[in-house]
Structure formats: C-alpha cells, structure tokens
Amino acid sequence: MPLYLLLPVVAAVVYALGSIVIKRALRDGVGMDQSFHLANVVLGLAFLPLLFVGIGKVDWGLLWKPLVMGTTFFVAHWLTFAAIRRGDVSLVTPLMGTKVVFVALGVVVLTGGMPSRPLWIAAFLTTLGIFTMGLADLKGGSHFLFTVAVALASAAVFGVSDVLVAGWAEGFGAMPFLAVGSGTVALWTIVMWLCQGRPAFFPRGLGAKWAWAGAGFIALQAMILGIALALFDDATGINVVYTSRGLWAIALVVVFGRFLGNSEHRDTGRAFLWRVAGTLLLTVAIVIAVVDRARAVG
C-alpha cells in the first residue's frame, strides 16, 4: 500500500487516545469551554514551527487561503463541542464520520476531480459502519434532532476544511499553510474567550493533567493528518483510513479503559456489540481504500 496512508493510521490511533483522555478530563471536572480553548491554543502552538519550513517559497499574496481554512476548521471544531454539549458523545462521534462522504463530495465540487468508484464504495461503507456503531444510541429525545443536525454540520465543515488543505496548501507553501491555518484557529479561540468575559482559561484540579494530555494528543493527530493532506493529493482516501479511529477507540477502551477511567465497554452492554459490528464495516472500507490507492500509485 502507499506508505503515506500510514500517516492517517497513526493519526487515527492518536485521536482515539486523545478522545478517551479528554473524556477523563471532563469527568474530573474540566469545563467543555476550557477543553475547547486549550485544545485550540495547543494546536496553534504545535503547528507554529512549520511556519519556517520552506518559508522562502511562500506566496503571501494567497494569505487569505490559510486564513479561510483556519476559520472553517474553527467553526467545525466549535460545532463538534456544541453537539457534544447537548447530546451523547456516543451519538456525536459516529455522526462525525460522515466527513468522509462530505470530503468526497467536496473534491468533486471544489476541484473538479472525481473519486474512483471503489473510493465511493469505501466512503459509503464507512458511513454505514459509523452509524452501526452508534445504532443503539439513536434514541429519541428533546435534543436528538439538534444533536444530529449540528454534528452533521460539523462533519460537513470539517470536510470542506480538509478539501481546502488538499487543494490550496501546495500553492501557498504546504507547511506554512498549516501553520497559518492553525494559528488562525488559536486566534479565533482567543477572540471567543475575550467575548466570553475572560473566564478561567487553564484547567485546574484533578482533570487538569488529563486536559493537557488530551489537547496534546489532539494537536499531534491534527498535525499528522494535516501534513498528509497537504503533501498528498488524496483527501478521500486519507479520510477513509483516518476513520479507523473508531476501531482504535474500541480497542483502546477494552485494553486501557480501566487505567483511563473508561468502562463503557462494560456499562453499555449490547451497544458495545453494535460498535464492534460497525468496526467490521470500517475495516472493509479501509481495505478497499488502501487497495484502490495502491493500484492508482502503482
């Protein structure tokens, strides 16, 4: 398989670990806004060194492009937290996987390209697998429609952000593009924090160490995924492989759940079996995507 597809695999593992760690932080008293702002600032700082990689070849006349990408990423990130605030993570996370389909559509609309038929099949199976993983959690309730709508909106905007990285990064300067875009995310979070009246920014107490660790993991996986999208013109294939984060999340919960304070594999009963069934569909989708890209590259 193309070696670059190992990048989204690593990003998926790190994302799964980061999500579990952030859940631990929230359980230990860290506020949702604190987690959101901290993750964004750490993200901006983590990408900052990339500003100096190939800076001599940057087309600063196109500065608006990474600024637009960073803004879309910030909006998508905020929508994710808004959905989690009103609904269950077990519902929001599966819905977020529909980003694969939005990326495929975005490639067609924004770049004029056409994903191959196997990649469309992989994107469909990925979406089906993710919904299967959350099937037992698709219950009614006053917040259900709001949660679904906001989570899908977040997936769509994230998809647009990924397509912008794939389509614009090289023309501006790939690594500085990621640095400026991530800095834009951090800048917007500071603006939001100021508008909120400057509440306590850094978490304290038992959950603080988990919040910092979670923010670090989320920033690391974003860097790995961003580099993959910026250097390799395969937004759909990369995102299909990246969707294996659901599989890795289940594996990490089972193996390290006790240490990380996560017992959902014991508490959710039958729902956990649906999630395992969903991972089988995800695995099929990933294999299809990898084989297809291997043929294309070969």
C-alpha atoms as a PDB file:
ATOM      1  CA  MET A   1       0.000   0.000   0.000  1.00  0.00           C
ATOM      2  CA  PRO A   2       1.158   3.627  -0.397  1.00  0.00           C
ATOM      3  CA  LEU A   3       3.303   4.436   2.617  1.00  0.00           C
ATOM      4  CA  TYR A   4       1.656   7.849   3.088  1.00  0.00           C
ATOM      5  CA  LEU A   5      -1.533   6.068   4.200  1.00  0.00           C
ATOM      6  CA  LEU A   6       0.326   5.100   7.361  1.00  0.00           C
ATOM      7  CA  LEU A   7       0.060   8.759   8.390  1.00  0.00           C
ATOM      8  CA  PRO A   8      -3.737   8.743   8.805  1.00  0.00           C
ATOM      9  CA  VAL A   9      -3.479   5.378  10.590  1.00  0.00           C
ATOM     10  CA  VAL A  10      -1.160   6.913  13.191  1.00  0.00           C
ATOM     11  CA  ALA A  11      -3.384   9.995  13.393  1.00  0.00           C
ATOM     12  CA  ALA A  12      -6.406   7.774  13.995  1.00  0.00           C
ATOM     13  CA  VAL A  13      -4.728   5.967  16.905  1.00  0.00           C
ATOM     14  CA  VAL A  14      -3.599   9.232  18.498  1.00  0.00           C
ATOM     15  CA  TYR A  15      -7.061  10.784  18.028  1.00  0.00           C
ATOM     16  CA  ALA A  16      -8.727   7.811  19.708  1.00  0.00           C
ATOM     17  CA  LEU A  17      -6.347   8.080  22.643  1.00  0.00           C
ATOM     18  CA  GLY A  18      -6.880  11.836  22.862  1.00  0.00           C
ATOM     19  CA  SER A  19     -10.665  11.461  22.894  1.00  0.00           C
ATOM     20  CA  ILE A  20     -10.553   8.967  25.757  1.00  0.00           C
ATOM     21  CA  VAL A  21      -8.183  11.194  27.729  1.00  0.00           C
ATOM     22  CA  ILE A  22     -10.404  14.257  27.202  1.00  0.00           C
ATOM     23  CA  LYS A  23     -13.416  12.260  28.418  1.00  0.00           C
ATOM     24  CA  ARG A  24     -11.433  11.531  31.565  1.00  0.00           C
ATOM     25  CA  ALA A  25     -10.703  15.255  31.972  1.00  0.00           C
ATOM     26  CA  LEU A  26     -14.384  16.160  31.613  1.00  0.00           C
ATOM     27  CA  ARG A  27     -15.306  13.502  34.141  1.00  0.00           C
ATOM     28  CA  ASP A  28     -12.822  15.013  36.574  1.00  0.00           C
ATOM     29  CA  GLY A  29     -14.369  18.468  36.377  1.00  0.00           C
ATOM     30  CA  VAL A  30     -12.786  20.285  33.436  1.00  0.00           C
ATOM     31  CA  GLY A  31     -15.302  22.513  31.647  1.00  0.00           C
ATOM     32  CA  MET A  32     -16.172  21.987  27.997  1.00  0.00           C
ATOM     33  CA  ASP A  33     -15.175  25.544  27.054  1.00  0.00           C
ATOM     34  CA  GLN A  34     -11.832  25.124  28.797  1.00  0.00           C
ATOM     35  CA  SER A  35     -11.163  21.921  26.863  1.00  0.00           C
ATOM     36  CA  PHE A  36     -12.131  23.612  23.598  1.00  0.00           C
ATOM     37  CA  HIS A  37      -9.957  26.698  24.097  1.00  0.00           C
ATOM     38  CA  LEU A  38      -6.994  24.736  25.435  1.00  0.00           C
ATOM     39  CA  ALA A  39      -7.072  22.303  22.510  1.00  0.00           C
ATOM     40  CA  ASN A  40      -7.155  25.171  20.001  1.00  0.00           C
ATOM     41  CA  VAL A  41      -4.265  27.076  21.560  1.00  0.00           C
ATOM     42  CA  VAL A  42      -2.116  23.963  21.861  1.00  0.00           C
ATOM     43  CA  LEU A  43      -2.955  23.207  18.219  1.00  0.00           C
ATOM     44  CA  GLY A  44      -1.764  26.643  17.116  1.00  0.00           C
ATOM     45  CA  LEU A  45       1.477  26.393  19.103  1.00  0.00           C
ATOM     46  CA  ALA A  46       2.190  22.863  17.853  1.00  0.00           C
ATOM     47  CA  PHE A  47       1.963  23.947  14.212  1.00  0.00           C
ATOM     48  CA  LEU A  48       3.912  27.194  14.696  1.00  0.00           C
ATOM     49  CA  PRO A  49       7.371  25.704  13.843  1.00  0.00           C
ATOM     50  CA  LEU A  50       6.041  24.675  10.430  1.00  0.00           C
ATOM     51  CA  LEU A  51       5.842  28.365   9.539  1.00  0.00           C
ATOM     52  CA  PHE A  52       9.603  28.317   8.976  1.00  0.00           C
ATOM     53  CA  VAL A  53       9.668  25.208   6.761  1.00  0.00           C
ATOM     54  CA  GLY A  54      10.029  26.383   3.185  1.00  0.00           C
ATOM     55  CA  ILE A  55       9.016  29.926   4.103  1.00  0.00           C
ATOM     56  CA  GLY A  56      11.137  31.355   1.277  1.00  0.00           C
ATOM     57  CA  LYS A  57       8.776  29.848  -1.271  1.00  0.00           C
ATOM     58  CA  VAL A  58       5.550  31.109   0.342  1.00  0.00           C
ATOM     59  CA  ASP A  59       3.161  33.118  -1.841  1.00  0.00           C
ATOM     60  CA  TRP A  60       1.993  35.693   0.727  1.00  0.00           C
ATOM     61  CA  GLY A  61      -0.433  37.098  -1.810  1.00  0.00           C
ATOM     62  CA  LEU A  62      -2.518  33.994  -1.097  1.00  0.00           C
ATOM     63  CA  LEU A  63      -2.549  34.548   2.669  1.00  0.00           C
ATOM     64  CA  TRP A  64      -6.338  34.626   2.634  1.00  0.00           C
ATOM     65  CA  LYS A  65      -6.413  30.922   1.780  1.00  0.00           C
ATOM     66  CA  PRO A  66      -4.953  29.534   5.047  1.00  0.00           C
ATOM     67  CA  LEU A  67      -6.988  32.158   6.925  1.00  0.00           C
ATOM     68  CA  VAL A  68     -10.176  30.810   5.329  1.00  0.00           C
ATOM     69  CA  MET A  69      -9.141  27.224   6.018  1.00  0.00           C
ATOM     70  CA  GLY A  70      -8.363  28.007   9.663  1.00  0.00           C
ATOM     71  CA  THR A  71     -11.711  29.723  10.067  1.00  0.00           C
ATOM     72  CA  THR A  72     -13.603  26.747   8.662  1.00  0.00           C
ATOM     73  CA  PHE A  73     -11.672  24.416  10.970  1.00  0.00           C
ATOM     74  CA  PHE A  74     -12.511  26.584  13.981  1.00  0.00           C
ATOM     75  CA  VAL A  75     -16.212  26.635  13.081  1.00  0.00           C
ATOM     76  CA  ALA A  76     -16.244  22.854  12.625  1.00  0.00           C
ATOM     77  CA  HIS A  77     -14.456  22.351  15.938  1.00  0.00           C
ATOM     78  CA  TRP A  78     -16.928  24.620  17.722  1.00  0.00           C
ATOM     79  CA  LEU A  79     -19.887  22.773  16.178  1.00  0.00           C
ATOM     80  CA  THR A  80     -18.447  19.495  17.449  1.00  0.00           C
ATOM     81  CA  PHE A  81     -18.287  20.791  21.004  1.00  0.00           C
ATOM     82  CA  ALA A  82     -21.790  22.278  20.676  1.00  0.00           C
ATOM     83  CA  ALA A  83     -23.128  18.882  19.638  1.00  0.00           C
ATOM     84  CA  ILE A  84     -21.334  17.126  22.499  1.00  0.00           C
ATOM     85  CA  ARG A  85     -22.643  19.719  24.955  1.00  0.00           C
ATOM     86  CA  ARG A  86     -26.266  18.911  24.022  1.00  0.00           C
ATOM     87  CA  GLY A  87     -26.036  15.226  23.119  1.00  0.00           C
ATOM     88  CA  ASP A  88     -24.205  11.995  23.886  1.00  0.00           C
ATOM     89  CA  VAL A  89     -20.648  11.512  22.685  1.00  0.00           C
ATOM     90  CA  SER A  90     -21.618   8.017  21.524  1.00  0.00           C
ATOM     91  CA  LEU A  91     -24.084   9.638  19.116  1.00  0.00           C
ATOM     92  CA  VAL A  92     -21.978  12.603  18.015  1.00  0.00           C
ATOM     93  CA  THR A  93     -18.796  10.628  17.307  1.00  0.00           C
ATOM     94  CA  PRO A  94     -20.410   8.195  14.833  1.00  0.00           C
ATOM     95  CA  LEU A  95     -22.115  11.062  13.016  1.00  0.00           C
ATOM     96  CA  MET A  96     -18.795  12.876  12.696  1.00  0.00           C
ATOM     97  CA  GLY A  97     -17.540  10.049  10.496  1.00  0.00           C
ATOM     98  CA  THR A  98     -19.800  11.207   7.674  1.00  0.00           C
ATOM     99  CA  LYS A  99     -16.987  13.670   6.941  1.00  0.00           C
ATOM    100  CA  VAL A 100     -15.653  11.031   4.553  1.00  0.00           C
ATOM    101  CA  VAL A 101     -18.657  11.486   2.290  1.00  0.00           C
ATOM    102  CA  PHE A 102     -18.508  15.279   2.529  1.00  0.00           C
ATOM    103  CA  VAL A 103     -14.822  15.191   1.574  1.00  0.00           C
ATOM    104  CA  ALA A 104     -15.603  13.063  -1.472  1.00  0.00           C
ATOM    105  CA  LEU A 105     -18.336  15.490  -2.499  1.00  0.00           C
ATOM    106  CA  GLY A 106     -16.090  18.445  -1.764  1.00  0.00           C
ATOM    107  CA  VAL A 107     -13.385  17.097  -4.043  1.00  0.00           C
ATOM    108  CA  VAL A 108     -15.903  16.960  -6.881  1.00  0.00           C
ATOM    109  CA  VAL A 109     -17.372  20.417  -6.269  1.00  0.00           C
ATOM    110  CA  LEU A 110     -14.210  22.382  -5.436  1.00  0.00           C
ATOM    111  CA  THR A 111     -11.543  20.735  -7.549  1.00  0.00           C
ATOM    112  CA  GLY A 112     -13.460  19.224 -10.413  1.00  0.00           C
ATOM    113  CA  GLY A 113     -11.944  15.808  -9.632  1.00  0.00           C
ATOM    114  CA  MET A 114     -13.899  12.580  -9.411  1.00  0.00           C
ATOM    115  CA  PRO A 115     -13.120   9.965  -6.741  1.00  0.00           C
ATOM    116  CA  SER A 116     -12.902   6.448  -8.098  1.00  0.00           C
ATOM    117  CA  ARG A 117     -15.818   4.036  -7.729  1.00  0.00           C
ATOM    118  CA  PRO A 118     -14.022   1.954  -5.053  1.00  0.00           C
ATOM    119  CA  LEU A 119     -13.452   5.092  -3.015  1.00  0.00           C
ATOM    120  CA  TRP A 120     -17.139   5.993  -3.242  1.00  0.00           C
ATOM    121  CA  ILE A 121     -17.968   2.474  -2.053  1.00  0.00           C
ATOM    122  CA  ALA A 122     -15.461   2.825   0.769  1.00  0.00           C
ATOM    123  CA  ALA A 123     -16.971   6.164   1.767  1.00  0.00           C
ATOM    124  CA  PHE A 124     -20.463   4.634   1.822  1.00  0.00           C
ATOM    125  CA  LEU A 125     -19.335   1.631   3.880  1.00  0.00           C
ATOM    126  CA  THR A 126     -17.523   3.955   6.257  1.00  0.00           C
ATOM    127  CA  THR A 127     -20.669   5.975   6.862  1.00  0.00           C
ATOM    128  CA  LEU A 128     -22.748   2.802   7.264  1.00  0.00           C
ATOM    129  CA  GLY A 129     -20.235   1.379   9.693  1.00  0.00           C
ATOM    130  CA  ILE A 130     -20.200   4.513  11.798  1.00  0.00           C
ATOM    131  CA  PHE A 131     -23.974   4.631  12.020  1.00  0.00           C
ATOM    132  CA  THR A 132     -23.945   0.967  13.003  1.00  0.00           C
ATOM    133  CA  MET A 133     -21.505   1.757  15.779  1.00  0.00           C
ATOM    134  CA  GLY A 134     -23.959   4.276  17.184  1.00  0.00           C
ATOM    135  CA  LEU A 135     -27.154   2.391  16.372  1.00  0.00           C
ATOM    136  CA  ALA A 136     -28.037   1.531  19.955  1.00  0.00           C
ATOM    137  CA  ASP A 137     -27.625   5.192  20.913  1.00  0.00           C
ATOM    138  CA  LEU A 138     -30.009   6.552  18.283  1.00  0.00           C
ATOM    139  CA  LYS A 139     -32.779   7.221  20.754  1.00  0.00           C
ATOM    140  CA  GLY A 140     -35.341   9.970  20.620  1.00  0.00           C
ATOM    141  CA  GLY A 141     -35.460  12.894  22.979  1.00  0.00           C
ATOM    142  CA  SER A 142     -35.718  16.660  23.050  1.00  0.00           C
ATOM    143  CA  HIS A 143     -32.118  17.174  21.949  1.00  0.00           C
ATOM    144  CA  PHE A 144     -31.885  14.393  19.379  1.00  0.00           C
ATOM    145  CA  LEU A 145     -32.616  16.382  16.194  1.00  0.00           C
ATOM    146  CA  PHE A 146     -30.442  19.294  17.338  1.00  0.00           C
ATOM    147  CA  THR A 147     -27.525  16.975  18.079  1.00  0.00           C
ATOM    148  CA  VAL A 148     -27.813  15.207  14.720  1.00  0.00           C
ATOM    149  CA  ALA A 149     -28.088  18.468  12.771  1.00  0.00           C
ATOM    150  CA  VAL A 150     -25.111  20.122  14.490  1.00  0.00           C
ATOM    151  CA  ALA A 151     -22.922  17.004  14.276  1.00  0.00           C
ATOM    152  CA  LEU A 152     -23.637  16.636  10.550  1.00  0.00           C
ATOM    153  CA  ALA A 153     -22.929  20.339  10.046  1.00  0.00           C
ATOM    154  CA  SER A 154     -19.614  19.895  11.844  1.00  0.00           C
ATOM    155  CA  ALA A 155     -18.713  16.921   9.651  1.00  0.00           C
ATOM    156  CA  ALA A 156     -19.574  18.915   6.529  1.00  0.00           C
ATOM    157  CA  VAL A 157     -17.444  21.913   7.539  1.00  0.00           C
ATOM    158  CA  PHE A 158     -14.546  19.656   8.542  1.00  0.00           C
ATOM    159  CA  GLY A 159     -14.845  18.048   5.133  1.00  0.00           C
ATOM    160  CA  VAL A 160     -14.605  21.449   3.450  1.00  0.00           C
ATOM    161  CA  SER A 161     -11.578  22.289   5.606  1.00  0.00           C
ATOM    162  CA  ASP A 162      -9.799  19.097   4.551  1.00  0.00           C
ATOM    163  CA  VAL A 163     -10.500  19.741   0.880  1.00  0.00           C
ATOM    164  CA  LEU A 164      -9.156  23.297   1.225  1.00  0.00           C
ATOM    165  CA  VAL A 165      -5.932  21.929   2.736  1.00  0.00           C
ATOM    166  CA  ALA A 166      -5.556  19.406  -0.068  1.00  0.00           C
ATOM    167  CA  GLY A 167      -6.341  21.956  -2.782  1.00  0.00           C
ATOM    168  CA  TRP A 168      -4.635  25.113  -1.509  1.00  0.00           C
ATOM    169  CA  ALA A 169      -1.687  24.132   0.679  1.00  0.00           C
ATOM    170  CA  GLU A 170       0.845  23.402  -2.055  1.00  0.00           C
ATOM    171  CA  GLY A 171       0.175  26.647  -3.921  1.00  0.00           C
ATOM    172  CA  PHE A 172       0.756  28.749  -0.812  1.00  0.00           C
ATOM    173  CA  GLY A 173       3.550  26.654   0.703  1.00  0.00           C
ATOM    174  CA  ALA A 174       2.421  23.437   2.338  1.00  0.00           C
ATOM    175  CA  MET A 175       3.927  23.658   5.834  1.00  0.00           C
ATOM    176  CA  PRO A 176       3.442  27.434   6.335  1.00  0.00           C
ATOM    177  CA  PHE A 177      -0.148  26.954   5.134  1.00  0.00           C
ATOM    178  CA  LEU A 178      -0.783  24.554   8.015  1.00  0.00           C
ATOM    179  CA  ALA A 179       0.957  26.872  10.483  1.00  0.00           C
ATOM    180  CA  VAL A 180      -1.054  29.943   9.469  1.00  0.00           C
ATOM    181  CA  GLY A 181      -4.295  27.983   9.381  1.00  0.00           C
ATOM    182  CA  SER A 182      -3.723  26.549  12.849  1.00  0.00           C
ATOM    183  CA  GLY A 183      -2.677  29.946  14.146  1.00  0.00           C
ATOM    184  CA  THR A 184      -5.976  31.280  12.852  1.00  0.00           C
ATOM    185  CA  VAL A 185      -7.778  28.649  14.928  1.00  0.00           C
ATOM    186  CA  ALA A 186      -5.892  29.762  18.045  1.00  0.00           C
ATOM    187  CA  LEU A 187      -6.588  33.426  17.269  1.00  0.00           C
ATOM    188  CA  TRP A 188     -10.326  32.820  16.925  1.00  0.00           C
ATOM    189  CA  THR A 189     -10.409  30.935  20.214  1.00  0.00           C
ATOM    190  CA  ILE A 190      -8.736  33.907  21.960  1.00  0.00           C
ATOM    191  CA  VAL A 191     -11.340  36.227  20.430  1.00  0.00           C
ATOM    192  CA  MET A 192     -14.143  33.957  21.658  1.00  0.00           C
ATOM    193  CA  TRP A 193     -12.572  33.769  25.125  1.00  0.00           C
ATOM    194  CA  LEU A 194     -12.425  37.571  25.311  1.00  0.00           C
ATOM    195  CA  CYS A 195     -16.051  37.823  24.194  1.00  0.00           C
ATOM    196  CA  GLN A 196     -16.991  35.374  26.947  1.00  0.00           C
ATOM    197  CA  GLY A 197     -15.613  37.772  29.566  1.00  0.00           C
ATOM    198  CA  ARG A 198     -12.205  36.136  30.027  1.00  0.00           C
ATOM    199  CA  PRO A 199     -13.193  33.211  32.259  1.00  0.00           C
ATOM    200  CA  ALA A 200     -10.528  30.923  33.760  1.00  0.00           C
ATOM    201  CA  PHE A 201      -8.588  29.707  30.742  1.00  0.00           C
ATOM    202  CA  PHE A 202      -6.366  26.958  32.103  1.00  0.00           C
ATOM    203  CA  PRO A 203      -7.976  23.957  33.837  1.00  0.00           C
ATOM    204  CA  ARG A 204      -7.157  23.187  37.438  1.00  0.00           C
ATOM    205  CA  GLY A 205      -7.757  20.300  39.782  1.00  0.00           C
ATOM    206  CA  LEU A 206      -7.793  16.576  39.135  1.00  0.00           C
ATOM    207  CA  GLY A 207      -8.698  16.874  35.456  1.00  0.00           C
ATOM    208  CA  ALA A 208      -6.009  19.398  34.511  1.00  0.00           C
ATOM    209  CA  LYS A 209      -3.322  16.862  33.592  1.00  0.00           C
ATOM    210  CA  TRP A 210      -5.808  14.899  31.507  1.00  0.00           C
ATOM    211  CA  ALA A 211      -6.970  18.058  29.731  1.00  0.00           C
ATOM    212  CA  TRP A 212      -3.395  18.998  28.816  1.00  0.00           C
ATOM    213  CA  ALA A 213      -2.631  15.464  27.654  1.00  0.00           C
ATOM    214  CA  GLY A 214      -5.817  15.340  25.592  1.00  0.00           C
ATOM    215  CA  ALA A 215      -5.061  18.694  23.975  1.00  0.00           C
ATOM    216  CA  GLY A 216      -1.559  17.482  23.144  1.00  0.00           C
ATOM    217  CA  PHE A 217      -2.826  14.288  21.537  1.00  0.00           C
ATOM    218  CA  ILE A 218      -5.467  16.140  19.514  1.00  0.00           C
ATOM    219  CA  ALA A 219      -2.863  18.644  18.291  1.00  0.00           C
ATOM    220  CA  LEU A 220      -0.433  15.850  17.360  1.00  0.00           C
ATOM    221  CA  GLN A 221      -3.001  13.924  15.345  1.00  0.00           C
ATOM    222  CA  ALA A 222      -4.128  17.122  13.611  1.00  0.00           C
ATOM    223  CA  MET A 223      -0.525  17.811  12.626  1.00  0.00           C
ATOM    224  CA  ILE A 224      -0.044  14.312  11.236  1.00  0.00           C
ATOM    225  CA  LEU A 225      -3.327  14.436   9.311  1.00  0.00           C
ATOM    226  CA  GLY A 226      -2.708  17.964   8.069  1.00  0.00           C
ATOM    227  CA  ILE A 227       0.728  17.051   6.727  1.00  0.00           C
ATOM    228  CA  ALA A 228      -0.762  14.039   4.940  1.00  0.00           C
ATOM    229  CA  LEU A 229      -3.493  16.185   3.344  1.00  0.00           C
ATOM    230  CA  ALA A 230      -1.056  18.939   2.396  1.00  0.00           C
ATOM    231  CA  LEU A 231       1.580  16.713   0.789  1.00  0.00           C
ATOM    232  CA  PHE A 232      -0.549  14.029  -0.859  1.00  0.00           C
ATOM    233  CA  ASP A 233      -3.479  14.729  -3.171  1.00  0.00           C
ATOM    234  CA  ASP A 234      -5.812  12.102  -1.745  1.00  0.00           C
ATOM    235  CA  ALA A 235      -8.273  13.735   0.668  1.00  0.00           C
ATOM    236  CA  THR A 236     -10.878  10.982   0.299  1.00  0.00           C
ATOM    237  CA  GLY A 237      -8.506   8.021   0.712  1.00  0.00           C
ATOM    238  CA  ILE A 238      -6.736   9.626   3.666  1.00  0.00           C
ATOM    239  CA  ASN A 239     -10.027  10.327   5.413  1.00  0.00           C
ATOM    240  CA  VAL A 240     -11.347   6.819   4.846  1.00  0.00           C
ATOM    241  CA  VAL A 241      -8.242   5.380   6.506  1.00  0.00           C
ATOM    242  CA  TYR A 242      -8.436   8.033   9.240  1.00  0.00           C
ATOM    243  CA  THR A 243     -11.928   6.804  10.074  1.00  0.00           C
ATOM    244  CA  SER A 244     -10.311   3.728  11.625  1.00  0.00           C
ATOM    245  CA  ARG A 245     -10.182   5.909  14.765  1.00  0.00           C
ATOM    246  CA  GLY A 246     -13.471   4.238  15.700  1.00  0.00           C
ATOM    247  CA  LEU A 247     -11.819   0.837  15.609  1.00  0.00           C
ATOM    248  CA  TRP A 248      -8.849   2.075  17.608  1.00  0.00           C
ATOM    249  CA  ALA A 249     -11.102   3.751  20.156  1.00  0.00           C
ATOM    250  CA  ILE A 250     -12.842   0.447  20.862  1.00  0.00           C
ATOM    251  CA  ALA A 251      -9.521  -1.386  21.130  1.00  0.00           C
ATOM    252  CA  LEU A 252      -8.080   1.232  23.493  1.00  0.00           C
ATOM    253  CA  VAL A 253     -11.204   1.256  25.667  1.00  0.00           C
ATOM    254  CA  VAL A 254     -11.032  -2.516  26.065  1.00  0.00           C
ATOM    255  CA  VAL A 255      -7.283  -2.681  26.688  1.00  0.00           C
ATOM    256  CA  PHE A 256      -6.612   0.543  28.608  1.00  0.00           C
ATOM    257  CA  GLY A 257     -10.116   1.557  29.724  1.00  0.00           C
ATOM    258  CA  ARG A 258      -9.577   0.804  33.403  1.00  0.00           C
ATOM    259  CA  PHE A 259      -6.392   2.867  33.566  1.00  0.00           C
ATOM    260  CA  LEU A 260      -8.006   5.773  31.719  1.00  0.00           C
ATOM    261  CA  GLY A 261     -11.195   5.677  33.765  1.00  0.00           C
ATOM    262  CA  ASN A 262     -13.384   4.493  30.893  1.00  0.00           C
ATOM    263  CA  SER A 263     -15.660   1.479  31.445  1.00  0.00           C
ATOM    264  CA  GLU A 264     -18.140   1.928  28.607  1.00  0.00           C
ATOM    265  CA  HIS A 265     -17.370  -1.485  27.161  1.00  0.00           C
ATOM    266  CA  ARG A 266     -18.806  -2.941  30.376  1.00  0.00           C
ATOM    267  CA  ASP A 267     -21.500  -0.358  31.028  1.00  0.00           C
ATOM    268  CA  THR A 268     -23.115  -0.120  27.599  1.00  0.00           C
ATOM    269  CA  GLY A 269     -23.781  -3.849  27.119  1.00  0.00           C
ATOM    270  CA  ARG A 270     -25.397  -4.538  23.753  1.00  0.00           C
ATOM    271  CA  ALA A 271     -24.495  -1.074  22.437  1.00  0.00           C
ATOM    272  CA  PHE A 272     -20.838  -2.034  22.563  1.00  0.00           C
ATOM    273  CA  LEU A 273     -21.558  -5.050  20.340  1.00  0.00           C
ATOM    274  CA  TRP A 274     -23.101  -2.713  17.742  1.00  0.00           C
ATOM    275  CA  ARG A 275     -19.920  -0.674  17.838  1.00  0.00           C
ATOM    276  CA  VAL A 276     -17.842  -3.784  17.240  1.00  0.00           C
ATOM    277  CA  ALA A 277     -20.081  -4.673  14.282  1.00  0.00           C
ATOM    278  CA  GLY A 278     -19.508  -1.210  12.917  1.00  0.00           C
ATOM    279  CA  THR A 279     -15.757  -1.659  13.088  1.00  0.00           C
ATOM    280  CA  LEU A 280     -16.045  -4.642  10.750  1.00  0.00           C
ATOM    281  CA  LEU A 281     -17.645  -2.419   8.118  1.00  0.00           C
ATOM    282  CA  LEU A 282     -14.963   0.185   8.716  1.00  0.00           C
ATOM    283  CA  THR A 283     -12.262  -2.427   8.221  1.00  0.00           C
ATOM    284  CA  VAL A 284     -13.749  -3.439   4.860  1.00  0.00           C
ATOM    285  CA  ALA A 285     -13.897   0.213   3.813  1.00  0.00           C
ATOM    286  CA  ILE A 286     -10.270   0.781   4.802  1.00  0.00           C
ATOM    287  CA  VAL A 287      -9.076  -2.281   2.881  1.00  0.00           C
ATOM    288  CA  ILE A 288     -10.962  -1.122  -0.240  1.00  0.00           C
ATOM    289  CA  ALA A 289      -9.447   2.361   0.043  1.00  0.00           C
ATOM    290  CA  VAL A 290      -5.901   1.087   0.565  1.00  0.00           C
ATOM    291  CA  VAL A 291      -6.083  -1.409  -2.303  1.00  0.00           C
ATOM    292  CA  ASP A 292      -7.536   1.213  -4.629  1.00  0.00           C
ATOM    293  CA  ARG A 293      -4.836   3.753  -3.846  1.00  0.00           C
ATOM    294  CA  ALA A 294      -2.136   1.098  -4.188  1.00  0.00           C
ATOM    295  CA  ARG A 295      -3.366   0.358  -7.702  1.00  0.00           C
ATOM    296  CA  ALA A 296      -3.530   4.031  -8.581  1.00  0.00           C
ATOM    297  CA  VAL A 297       0.002   4.715  -7.353  1.00  0.00           C
ATOM    298  CA  GLY A 298       1.379   1.524  -8.800  1.00  0.00           C
END
